[in-house]
Amino acid sequence: MDLGWLISFATLLNIIIKNAFSIPRPHSTLHMLSIGFPSGDVQVATVFFMIIFLSFNSKTLQIISIAIINIMFSRLYLGVHSIYDVIGGMIFGVLIIL
């Protein structure tokens, strides 16, 4: 699997899904008016880190899991996504890899 193509596909799919669902970001986000579901950052990061996991050994799974969870929490902490946005991004990211 080519990482560049998968990242591009994940980004394009994220745009399509965002427009299909049109779920807004949390109300606390004043500076971002774009659609919130699913989180594109989490979706692309999940694709990226899962490709790394599949390319190397299983010992990287713990590091990859920590990286994805940190990105999810950062999006929640900054208030730019809800819990459903980041979980949706992770699920769609995993589905792209499958």
PDB file of N, CA and C in Angstrom:
ATOM      1  N   MET A   1       0.841  -1.187   0.000  1.00  0.00           N
ATOM      2  CA  MET A   1       0.000   0.000   0.000  1.00  0.00           C
ATOM      3  C   MET A   1       0.880   1.242   0.000  1.00  0.00           C
ATOM      4  N   ASP A   2       0.563   2.166  -0.846  1.00  0.00           N
ATOM      5  CA  ASP A   2       1.329   3.394  -0.933  1.00  0.00           C
ATOM      6  C   ASP A   2       0.757   4.416   0.051  1.00  0.00           C
ATOM      7  N   LEU A   3       1.601   4.885   0.950  1.00  0.00           N
ATOM      8  CA  LEU A   3       1.161   5.792   2.011  1.00  0.00           C
ATOM      9  C   LEU A   3       0.576   7.083   1.452  1.00  0.00           C
ATOM     10  N   GLY A   4       1.218   7.638   0.441  1.00  0.00           N
ATOM     11  CA  GLY A   4       0.734   8.893  -0.145  1.00  0.00           C
ATOM     12  C   GLY A   4      -0.668   8.779  -0.708  1.00  0.00           C
ATOM     13  N   TRP A   5      -0.938   7.689  -1.422  1.00  0.00           N
ATOM     14  CA  TRP A   5      -2.265   7.485  -1.990  1.00  0.00           C
ATOM     15  C   TRP A   5      -3.310   7.275  -0.907  1.00  0.00           C
ATOM     16  N   LEU A   6      -2.949   6.538   0.128  1.00  0.00           N
ATOM     17  CA  LEU A   6      -3.906   6.299   1.212  1.00  0.00           C
ATOM     18  C   LEU A   6      -4.227   7.572   1.988  1.00  0.00           C
ATOM     19  N   ILE A   7      -3.219   8.410   2.217  1.00  0.00           N
ATOM     20  CA  ILE A   7      -3.460   9.690   2.898  1.00  0.00           C
ATOM     21  C   ILE A   7      -4.343  10.579   2.029  1.00  0.00           C
ATOM     22  N   SER A   8      -4.061  10.609   0.724  1.00  0.00           N
ATOM     23  CA  SER A   8      -4.886  11.406  -0.194  1.00  0.00           C
ATOM     24  C   SER A   8      -6.317  10.886  -0.229  1.00  0.00           C
ATOM     25  N   PHE A   9      -6.472   9.571  -0.285  1.00  0.00           N
ATOM     26  CA  PHE A   9      -7.804   8.968  -0.284  1.00  0.00           C
ATOM     27  C   PHE A   9      -8.542   9.264   1.018  1.00  0.00           C
ATOM     28  N   ALA A  10      -7.826   9.178   2.148  1.00  0.00           N
ATOM     29  CA  ALA A  10      -8.436   9.467   3.452  1.00  0.00           C
ATOM     30  C   ALA A  10      -8.918  10.908   3.517  1.00  0.00           C
ATOM     31  N   THR A  11      -8.124  11.829   2.978  1.00  0.00           N
ATOM     32  CA  THR A  11      -8.502  13.244   2.978  1.00  0.00           C
ATOM     33  C   THR A  11      -9.725  13.479   2.099  1.00  0.00           C
ATOM     34  N   LEU A  12      -9.732  12.897   0.899  1.00  0.00           N
ATOM     35  CA  LEU A  12     -10.875  13.041  -0.004  1.00  0.00           C
ATOM     36  C   LEU A  12     -12.133  12.420   0.602  1.00  0.00           C
ATOM     37  N   LEU A  13     -11.993  11.232   1.165  1.00  0.00           N
ATOM     38  CA  LEU A  13     -13.135  10.577   1.796  1.00  0.00           C
ATOM     39  C   LEU A  13     -13.657  11.393   2.974  1.00  0.00           C
ATOM     40  N   ASN A  14     -12.758  12.027   3.723  1.00  0.00           N
ATOM     41  CA  ASN A  14     -13.166  12.858   4.851  1.00  0.00           C
ATOM     42  C   ASN A  14     -14.026  14.025   4.379  1.00  0.00           C
ATOM     43  N   ILE A  15     -13.642  14.644   3.284  1.00  0.00           N
ATOM     44  CA  ILE A  15     -14.424  15.761   2.734  1.00  0.00           C
ATOM     45  C   ILE A  15     -15.811  15.282   2.315  1.00  0.00           C
ATOM     46  N   ILE A  16     -15.865  14.125   1.669  1.00  0.00           N
ATOM     47  CA  ILE A  16     -17.152  13.575   1.228  1.00  0.00           C
ATOM     48  C   ILE A  16     -18.039  13.246   2.430  1.00  0.00           C
ATOM     49  N   ILE A  17     -17.462  12.610   3.447  1.00  0.00           N
ATOM     50  CA  ILE A  17     -18.244  12.240   4.641  1.00  0.00           C
ATOM     51  C   ILE A  17     -18.718  13.484   5.381  1.00  0.00           C
ATOM     52  N   LYS A  18     -17.837  14.489   5.517  1.00  0.00           N
ATOM     53  CA  LYS A  18     -18.230  15.729   6.204  1.00  0.00           C
ATOM     54  C   LYS A  18     -19.423  16.373   5.506  1.00  0.00           C
ATOM     55  N   ASN A  19     -19.382  16.423   4.174  1.00  0.00           N
ATOM     56  CA  ASN A  19     -20.485  17.032   3.434  1.00  0.00           C
ATOM     57  C   ASN A  19     -21.751  16.181   3.485  1.00  0.00           C
ATOM     58  N   ALA A  20     -21.603  14.866   3.585  1.00  0.00           N
ATOM     59  CA  ALA A  20     -22.773  13.986   3.657  1.00  0.00           C
ATOM     60  C   ALA A  20     -23.492  14.131   4.999  1.00  0.00           C
ATOM     61  N   PHE A  21     -22.722  14.230   6.090  1.00  0.00           N
ATOM     62  CA  PHE A  21     -23.324  14.327   7.419  1.00  0.00           C
ATOM     63  C   PHE A  21     -23.613  15.768   7.830  1.00  0.00           C
ATOM     64  N   SER A  22     -22.752  16.698   7.480  1.00  0.00           N
ATOM     65  CA  SER A  22     -22.893  18.133   7.799  1.00  0.00           C
ATOM     66  C   SER A  22     -23.157  18.393   9.280  1.00  0.00           C
ATOM     67  N   ILE A  23     -22.435  17.696  10.150  1.00  0.00           N
ATOM     68  CA  ILE A  23     -22.568  17.902  11.592  1.00  0.00           C
ATOM     69  C   ILE A  23     -21.591  19.003  12.000  1.00  0.00           C
ATOM     70  N   PRO A  24     -22.085  20.097  12.594  1.00  0.00           N
ATOM     71  CA  PRO A  24     -21.197  21.221  12.927  1.00  0.00           C
ATOM     72  C   PRO A  24     -20.250  20.905  14.076  1.00  0.00           C
ATOM     73  N   ARG A  25     -19.262  21.762  14.210  1.00  0.00           N
ATOM     74  CA  ARG A  25     -18.311  21.654  15.315  1.00  0.00           C
ATOM     75  C   ARG A  25     -19.003  22.072  16.618  1.00  0.00           C
ATOM     76  N   PRO A  26     -18.360  21.786  17.756  1.00  0.00           N
ATOM     77  CA  PRO A  26     -18.934  22.225  19.042  1.00  0.00           C
ATOM     78  C   PRO A  26     -19.120  23.744  19.082  1.00  0.00           C
ATOM     79  N   HIS A  27     -20.062  24.190  19.882  1.00  0.00           N
ATOM     80  CA  HIS A  27     -20.382  25.617  19.954  1.00  0.00           C
ATOM     81  C   HIS A  27     -19.245  26.458  20.512  1.00  0.00           C
ATOM     82  N   SER A  28     -18.342  25.849  21.254  1.00  0.00           N
ATOM     83  CA  SER A  28     -17.239  26.618  21.838  1.00  0.00           C
ATOM     84  C   SER A  28     -16.202  27.028  20.805  1.00  0.00           C
ATOM     85  N   THR A  29     -16.317  26.513  19.595  1.00  0.00           N
ATOM     86  CA  THR A  29     -15.353  26.822  18.550  1.00  0.00           C
ATOM     87  C   THR A  29     -15.815  28.052  17.789  1.00  0.00           C
ATOM     88  N   LEU A  30     -15.235  29.184  18.107  1.00  0.00           N
ATOM     89  CA  LEU A  30     -15.641  30.428  17.460  1.00  0.00           C
ATOM     90  C   LEU A  30     -14.852  30.710  16.193  1.00  0.00           C
ATOM     91  N   HIS A  31     -13.628  30.205  16.119  1.00  0.00           N
ATOM     92  CA  HIS A  31     -12.765  30.550  15.000  1.00  0.00           C
ATOM     93  C   HIS A  31     -12.848  29.565  13.837  1.00  0.00           C
ATOM     94  N   MET A  32     -13.563  28.464  13.996  1.00  0.00           N
ATOM     95  CA  MET A  32     -13.665  27.478  12.930  1.00  0.00           C
ATOM     96  C   MET A  32     -15.130  27.275  12.576  1.00  0.00           C
ATOM     97  N   LEU A  33     -15.462  27.514  11.330  1.00  0.00           N
ATOM     98  CA  LEU A  33     -16.847  27.395  10.902  1.00  0.00           C
ATOM     99  C   LEU A  33     -17.083  26.167  10.030  1.00  0.00           C
ATOM    100  N   SER A  34     -16.069  25.329   9.874  1.00  0.00           N
ATOM    101  CA  SER A  34     -16.213  24.157   9.022  1.00  0.00           C
ATOM    102  C   SER A  34     -16.958  23.038   9.750  1.00  0.00           C
ATOM    103  N   ILE A  35     -17.234  21.990   9.021  1.00  0.00           N
ATOM    104  CA  ILE A  35     -17.980  20.848   9.544  1.00  0.00           C
ATOM    105  C   ILE A  35     -17.075  20.024  10.455  1.00  0.00           C
ATOM    106  N   GLY A  36     -17.647  19.461  11.528  1.00  0.00           N
ATOM    107  CA  GLY A  36     -16.841  18.778  12.527  1.00  0.00           C
ATOM    108  C   GLY A  36     -16.722  17.273  12.380  1.00  0.00           C
ATOM    109  N   PHE A  37     -17.776  16.598  11.894  1.00  0.00           N
ATOM    110  CA  PHE A  37     -17.755  15.126  11.869  1.00  0.00           C
ATOM    111  C   PHE A  37     -17.437  14.603  10.491  1.00  0.00           C
ATOM    112  N   PRO A  38     -16.524  13.658  10.394  1.00  0.00           N
ATOM    113  CA  PRO A  38     -15.581  13.141  11.385  1.00  0.00           C
ATOM    114  C   PRO A  38     -14.319  13.991  11.431  1.00  0.00           C
ATOM    115  N   SER A  39     -13.536  13.835  12.462  1.00  0.00           N
ATOM    116  CA  SER A  39     -12.296  14.590  12.591  1.00  0.00           C
ATOM    117  C   SER A  39     -11.306  14.144  11.519  1.00  0.00           C
ATOM    118  N   GLY A  40     -10.951  15.067  10.637  1.00  0.00           N
ATOM    119  CA  GLY A  40      -9.994  14.757   9.581  1.00  0.00           C
ATOM    120  C   GLY A  40      -8.607  14.486  10.119  1.00  0.00           C
ATOM    121  N   ASP A  41      -8.215  15.228  11.152  1.00  0.00           N
ATOM    122  CA  ASP A  41      -6.894  15.017  11.748  1.00  0.00           C
ATOM    123  C   ASP A  41      -6.767  13.606  12.312  1.00  0.00           C
ATOM    124  N   VAL A  42      -7.781  13.172  13.027  1.00  0.00           N
ATOM    125  CA  VAL A  42      -7.750  11.837  13.627  1.00  0.00           C
ATOM    126  C   VAL A  42      -7.838  10.767  12.540  1.00  0.00           C
ATOM    127  N   GLN A  43      -8.665  10.997  11.530  1.00  0.00           N
ATOM    128  CA  GLN A  43      -8.818  10.018  10.461  1.00  0.00           C
ATOM    129  C   GLN A  43      -7.506   9.809   9.712  1.00  0.00           C
ATOM    130  N   VAL A  44      -6.861  10.892   9.309  1.00  0.00           N
ATOM    131  CA  VAL A  44      -5.601  10.790   8.571  1.00  0.00           C
ATOM    132  C   VAL A  44      -4.490  10.236   9.463  1.00  0.00           C
ATOM    133  N   ALA A  45      -4.445  10.652  10.721  1.00  0.00           N
ATOM    134  CA  ALA A  45      -3.430  10.126  11.642  1.00  0.00           C
ATOM    135  C   ALA A  45      -3.615   8.628  11.851  1.00  0.00           C
ATOM    136  N   THR A  46      -4.859   8.174  11.942  1.00  0.00           N
ATOM    137  CA  THR A  46      -5.117   6.744  12.098  1.00  0.00           C
ATOM    138  C   THR A  46      -4.623   5.972  10.884  1.00  0.00           C
ATOM    139  N   VAL A  47      -4.905   6.483   9.684  1.00  0.00           N
ATOM    140  CA  VAL A  47      -4.412   5.831   8.463  1.00  0.00           C
ATOM    141  C   VAL A  47      -2.888   5.801   8.464  1.00  0.00           C
ATOM    142  N   PHE A  48      -2.271   6.929   8.754  1.00  0.00           N
ATOM    143  CA  PHE A  48      -0.810   7.036   8.754  1.00  0.00           C
ATOM    144  C   PHE A  48      -0.174   6.050   9.734  1.00  0.00           C
ATOM    145  N   PHE A  49      -0.640   6.076  10.971  1.00  0.00           N
ATOM    146  CA  PHE A  49      -0.030   5.231  11.989  1.00  0.00           C
ATOM    147  C   PHE A  49      -0.359   3.747  11.796  1.00  0.00           C
ATOM    148  N   MET A  50      -1.525   3.436  11.256  1.00  0.00           N
ATOM    149  CA  MET A  50      -1.840   2.029  10.994  1.00  0.00           C
ATOM    150  C   MET A  50      -0.970   1.469   9.872  1.00  0.00           C
ATOM    151  N   ILE A  51      -0.658   2.275   8.869  1.00  0.00           N
ATOM    152  CA  ILE A  51       0.249   1.831   7.805  1.00  0.00           C
ATOM    153  C   ILE A  51       1.632   1.569   8.385  1.00  0.00           C
ATOM    154  N   ILE A  52       2.082   2.443   9.271  1.00  0.00           N
ATOM    155  CA  ILE A  52       3.374   2.217   9.929  1.00  0.00           C
ATOM    156  C   ILE A  52       3.331   0.912  10.716  1.00  0.00           C
ATOM    157  N   PHE A  53       2.245   0.688  11.436  1.00  0.00           N
ATOM    158  CA  PHE A  53       2.101  -0.544  12.220  1.00  0.00           C
ATOM    159  C   PHE A  53       2.150  -1.776  11.321  1.00  0.00           C
ATOM    160  N   LEU A  54       1.433  -1.744  10.203  1.00  0.00           N
ATOM    161  CA  LEU A  54       1.394  -2.898   9.309  1.00  0.00           C
ATOM    162  C   LEU A  54       2.719  -3.117   8.590  1.00  0.00           C
ATOM    163  N   SER A  55       3.510  -2.058   8.446  1.00  0.00           N
ATOM    164  CA  SER A  55       4.789  -2.157   7.751  1.00  0.00           C
ATOM    165  C   SER A  55       5.908  -2.662   8.645  1.00  0.00           C
ATOM    166  N   PHE A  56       5.769  -2.508   9.935  1.00  0.00           N
ATOM    167  CA  PHE A  56       6.825  -2.902  10.862  1.00  0.00           C
ATOM    168  C   PHE A  56       6.323  -4.018  11.766  1.00  0.00           C
ATOM    169  N   ASN A  57       6.819  -4.095  12.958  1.00  0.00           N
ATOM    170  CA  ASN A  57       6.428  -5.191  13.843  1.00  0.00           C
ATOM    171  C   ASN A  57       5.353  -4.765  14.835  1.00  0.00           C
ATOM    172  N   SER A  58       4.846  -5.729  15.553  1.00  0.00           N
ATOM    173  CA  SER A  58       3.737  -5.464  16.474  1.00  0.00           C
ATOM    174  C   SER A  58       4.150  -4.668  17.710  1.00  0.00           C
ATOM    175  N   LYS A  59       5.447  -4.536  17.956  1.00  0.00           N
ATOM    176  CA  LYS A  59       5.886  -3.759  19.120  1.00  0.00           C
ATOM    177  C   LYS A  59       5.564  -2.276  18.959  1.00  0.00           C
ATOM    178  N   THR A  60       5.359  -1.845  17.737  1.00  0.00           N
ATOM    179  CA  THR A  60       5.037  -0.437  17.508  1.00  0.00           C
ATOM    180  C   THR A  60       3.588  -0.111  17.839  1.00  0.00           C
ATOM    181  N   LEU A  61       2.763  -1.118  18.071  1.00  0.00           N
ATOM    182  CA  LEU A  61       1.339  -0.886  18.325  1.00  0.00           C
ATOM    183  C   LEU A  61       1.104  -0.006  19.543  1.00  0.00           C
ATOM    184  N   GLN A  62       1.865  -0.193  20.599  1.00  0.00           N
ATOM    185  CA  GLN A  62       1.687   0.625  21.799  1.00  0.00           C
ATOM    186  C   GLN A  62       2.003   2.088  21.514  1.00  0.00           C
ATOM    187  N   ILE A  63       3.082   2.346  20.816  1.00  0.00           N
ATOM    188  CA  ILE A  63       3.464   3.725  20.485  1.00  0.00           C
ATOM    189  C   ILE A  63       2.426   4.348  19.563  1.00  0.00           C
ATOM    190  N   ILE A  64       1.975   3.586  18.577  1.00  0.00           N
ATOM    191  CA  ILE A  64       0.978   4.087  17.634  1.00  0.00           C
ATOM    192  C   ILE A  64      -0.335   4.383  18.350  1.00  0.00           C
ATOM    193  N   SER A  65      -0.749   3.512  19.233  1.00  0.00           N
ATOM    194  CA  SER A  65      -1.986   3.737  19.988  1.00  0.00           C
ATOM    195  C   SER A  65      -1.890   5.008  20.821  1.00  0.00           C
ATOM    196  N   ILE A  66      -0.757   5.217  21.454  1.00  0.00           N
ATOM    197  CA  ILE A  66      -0.553   6.428  22.261  1.00  0.00           C
ATOM    198  C   ILE A  66      -0.608   7.665  21.379  1.00  0.00           C
ATOM    199  N   ALA A  67       0.002   7.607  20.198  1.00  0.00           N
ATOM    200  CA  ALA A  67       0.005   8.760  19.290  1.00  0.00           C
ATOM    201  C   ALA A  67      -1.413   9.110  18.845  1.00  0.00           C
ATOM    202  N   ILE A  68      -2.184   8.117  18.443  1.00  0.00           N
ATOM    203  CA  ILE A  68      -3.558   8.369  17.990  1.00  0.00           C
ATOM    204  C   ILE A  68      -4.412   8.910  19.136  1.00  0.00           C
ATOM    205  N   ILE A  69      -4.286   8.334  20.312  1.00  0.00           N
ATOM    206  CA  ILE A  69      -5.057   8.805  21.470  1.00  0.00           C
ATOM    207  C   ILE A  69      -4.669  10.234  21.833  1.00  0.00           C
ATOM    208  N   ASN A  70      -3.387  10.567  21.752  1.00  0.00           N
ATOM    209  CA  ASN A  70      -2.952  11.944  22.026  1.00  0.00           C
ATOM    210  C   ASN A  70      -3.558  12.928  21.036  1.00  0.00           C
ATOM    211  N   ILE A  71      -3.611  12.559  19.772  1.00  0.00           N
ATOM    212  CA  ILE A  71      -4.226  13.438  18.773  1.00  0.00           C
ATOM    213  C   ILE A  71      -5.713  13.592  19.065  1.00  0.00           C
ATOM    214  N   MET A  72      -6.379  12.502  19.428  1.00  0.00           N
ATOM    215  CA  MET A  72      -7.804  12.573  19.760  1.00  0.00           C
ATOM    216  C   MET A  72      -8.047  13.509  20.945  1.00  0.00           C
ATOM    217  N   PHE A  73      -7.257  13.341  22.010  1.00  0.00           N
ATOM    218  CA  PHE A  73      -7.429  14.194  23.184  1.00  0.00           C
ATOM    219  C   PHE A  73      -7.090  15.654  22.889  1.00  0.00           C
ATOM    220  N   SER A  74      -6.117  15.890  22.022  1.00  0.00           N
ATOM    221  CA  SER A  74      -5.767  17.283  21.705  1.00  0.00           C
ATOM    222  C   SER A  74      -6.915  17.982  20.993  1.00  0.00           C
ATOM    223  N   ARG A  75      -7.610  17.275  20.104  1.00  0.00           N
ATOM    224  CA  ARG A  75      -8.749  17.860  19.394  1.00  0.00           C
ATOM    225  C   ARG A  75      -9.901  18.147  20.367  1.00  0.00           C
ATOM    226  N   LEU A  76     -10.082  17.245  21.342  1.00  0.00           N
ATOM    227  CA  LEU A  76     -11.112  17.465  22.364  1.00  0.00           C
ATOM    228  C   LEU A  76     -10.728  18.620  23.279  1.00  0.00           C
ATOM    229  N   TYR A  77      -9.470  18.651  23.707  1.00  0.00           N
ATOM    230  CA  TYR A  77      -8.990  19.692  24.622  1.00  0.00           C
ATOM    231  C   TYR A  77      -9.109  21.075  23.991  1.00  0.00           C
ATOM    232  N   LEU A  78      -8.785  21.182  22.720  1.00  0.00           N
ATOM    233  CA  LEU A  78      -8.873  22.471  22.033  1.00  0.00           C
ATOM    234  C   LEU A  78     -10.314  22.875  21.744  1.00  0.00           C
ATOM    235  N   GLY A  79     -11.244  21.960  21.909  1.00  0.00           N
ATOM    236  CA  GLY A  79     -12.656  22.268  21.709  1.00  0.00           C
ATOM    237  C   GLY A  79     -13.081  22.336  20.258  1.00  0.00           C
ATOM    238  N   VAL A  80     -12.263  21.808  19.345  1.00  0.00           N
ATOM    239  CA  VAL A  80     -12.611  21.878  17.930  1.00  0.00           C
ATOM    240  C   VAL A  80     -13.393  20.654  17.460  1.00  0.00           C
ATOM    241  N   HIS A  81     -13.489  19.631  18.320  1.00  0.00           N
ATOM    242  CA  HIS A  81     -14.262  18.438  17.992  1.00  0.00           C
ATOM    243  C   HIS A  81     -14.940  17.901  19.241  1.00  0.00           C
ATOM    244  N   SER A  82     -16.038  17.189  19.020  1.00  0.00           N
ATOM    245  CA  SER A  82     -16.698  16.472  20.115  1.00  0.00           C
ATOM    246  C   SER A  82     -16.134  15.051  20.161  1.00  0.00           C
ATOM    247  N   ILE A  83     -16.517  14.306  21.178  1.00  0.00           N
ATOM    248  CA  ILE A  83     -16.049  12.927  21.310  1.00  0.00           C
ATOM    249  C   ILE A  83     -16.501  12.088  20.117  1.00  0.00           C
ATOM    250  N   TYR A  84     -17.691  12.367  19.597  1.00  0.00           N
ATOM    251  CA  TYR A  84     -18.203  11.622  18.445  1.00  0.00           C
ATOM    252  C   TYR A  84     -17.396  11.915  17.187  1.00  0.00           C
ATOM    253  N   ASP A  85     -16.929  13.148  17.049  1.00  0.00           N
ATOM    254  CA  ASP A  85     -16.110  13.518  15.890  1.00  0.00           C
ATOM    255  C   ASP A  85     -14.808  12.736  15.863  1.00  0.00           C
ATOM    256  N   VAL A  86     -14.122  12.665  17.003  1.00  0.00           N
ATOM    257  CA  VAL A  86     -12.817  11.999  17.028  1.00  0.00           C
ATOM    258  C   VAL A  86     -12.968  10.472  16.938  1.00  0.00           C
ATOM    259  N   ILE A  87     -14.002   9.917  17.557  1.00  0.00           N
ATOM    260  CA  ILE A  87     -14.225   8.472  17.436  1.00  0.00           C
ATOM    261  C   ILE A  87     -14.606   8.127  15.996  1.00  0.00           C
ATOM    262  N   GLY A  88     -15.436   8.958  15.390  1.00  0.00           N
ATOM    263  CA  GLY A  88     -15.793   8.747  13.983  1.00  0.00           C
ATOM    264  C   GLY A  88     -14.582   8.817  13.077  1.00  0.00           C
ATOM    265  N   GLY A  89     -13.689   9.776  13.331  1.00  0.00           N
ATOM    266  CA  GLY A  89     -12.462   9.877  12.546  1.00  0.00           C
ATOM    267  C   GLY A  89     -11.607   8.633  12.672  1.00  0.00           C
ATOM    268  N   MET A  90     -11.504   8.108  13.883  1.00  0.00           N
ATOM    269  CA  MET A  90     -10.711   6.899  14.098  1.00  0.00           C
ATOM    270  C   MET A  90     -11.351   5.697  13.394  1.00  0.00           C
ATOM    271  N   ILE A  91     -12.658   5.567  13.495  1.00  0.00           N
ATOM    272  CA  ILE A  91     -13.350   4.433  12.860  1.00  0.00           C
ATOM    273  C   ILE A  91     -13.195   4.485  11.345  1.00  0.00           C
ATOM    274  N   PHE A  92     -13.419   5.653  10.748  1.00  0.00           N
ATOM    275  CA  PHE A  92     -13.271   5.763   9.295  1.00  0.00           C
ATOM    276  C   PHE A  92     -11.823   5.539   8.867  1.00  0.00           C
ATOM    277  N   GLY A  93     -10.869   5.971   9.682  1.00  0.00           N
ATOM    278  CA  GLY A  93      -9.461   5.722   9.384  1.00  0.00           C
ATOM    279  C   GLY A  93      -9.139   4.238   9.363  1.00  0.00           C
ATOM    280  N   VAL A  94      -9.652   3.507  10.340  1.00  0.00           N
ATOM    281  CA  VAL A  94      -9.426   2.052  10.387  1.00  0.00           C
ATOM    282  C   VAL A  94     -10.116   1.374   9.205  1.00  0.00           C
ATOM    283  N   LEU A  95     -11.324   1.818   8.856  1.00  0.00           N
ATOM    284  CA  LEU A  95     -12.041   1.219   7.727  1.00  0.00           C
ATOM    285  C   LEU A  95     -11.294   1.412   6.413  1.00  0.00           C
ATOM    286  N   ILE A  96     -10.612   2.527   6.251  1.00  0.00           N
ATOM    287  CA  ILE A  96      -9.826   2.764   5.036  1.00  0.00           C
ATOM    288  C   ILE A  96      -8.713   1.733   4.921  1.00  0.00           C
ATOM    289  N   ILE A  97      -8.094   1.407   6.034  1.00  0.00           N
ATOM    290  CA  ILE A  97      -6.987   0.450   6.032  1.00  0.00           C
ATOM    291  C   ILE A  97      -7.480  -0.969   5.755  1.00  0.00           C
ATOM    292  N   LEU A  98      -8.676  -1.290   6.244  1.00  0.00           N
ATOM    293  CA  LEU A  98      -9.202  -2.645   6.032  1.00  0.00           C
ATOM    294  C   LEU A  98      -9.544  -2.831   4.580  1.00  0.00           C
TER     295      LEU A  98
END
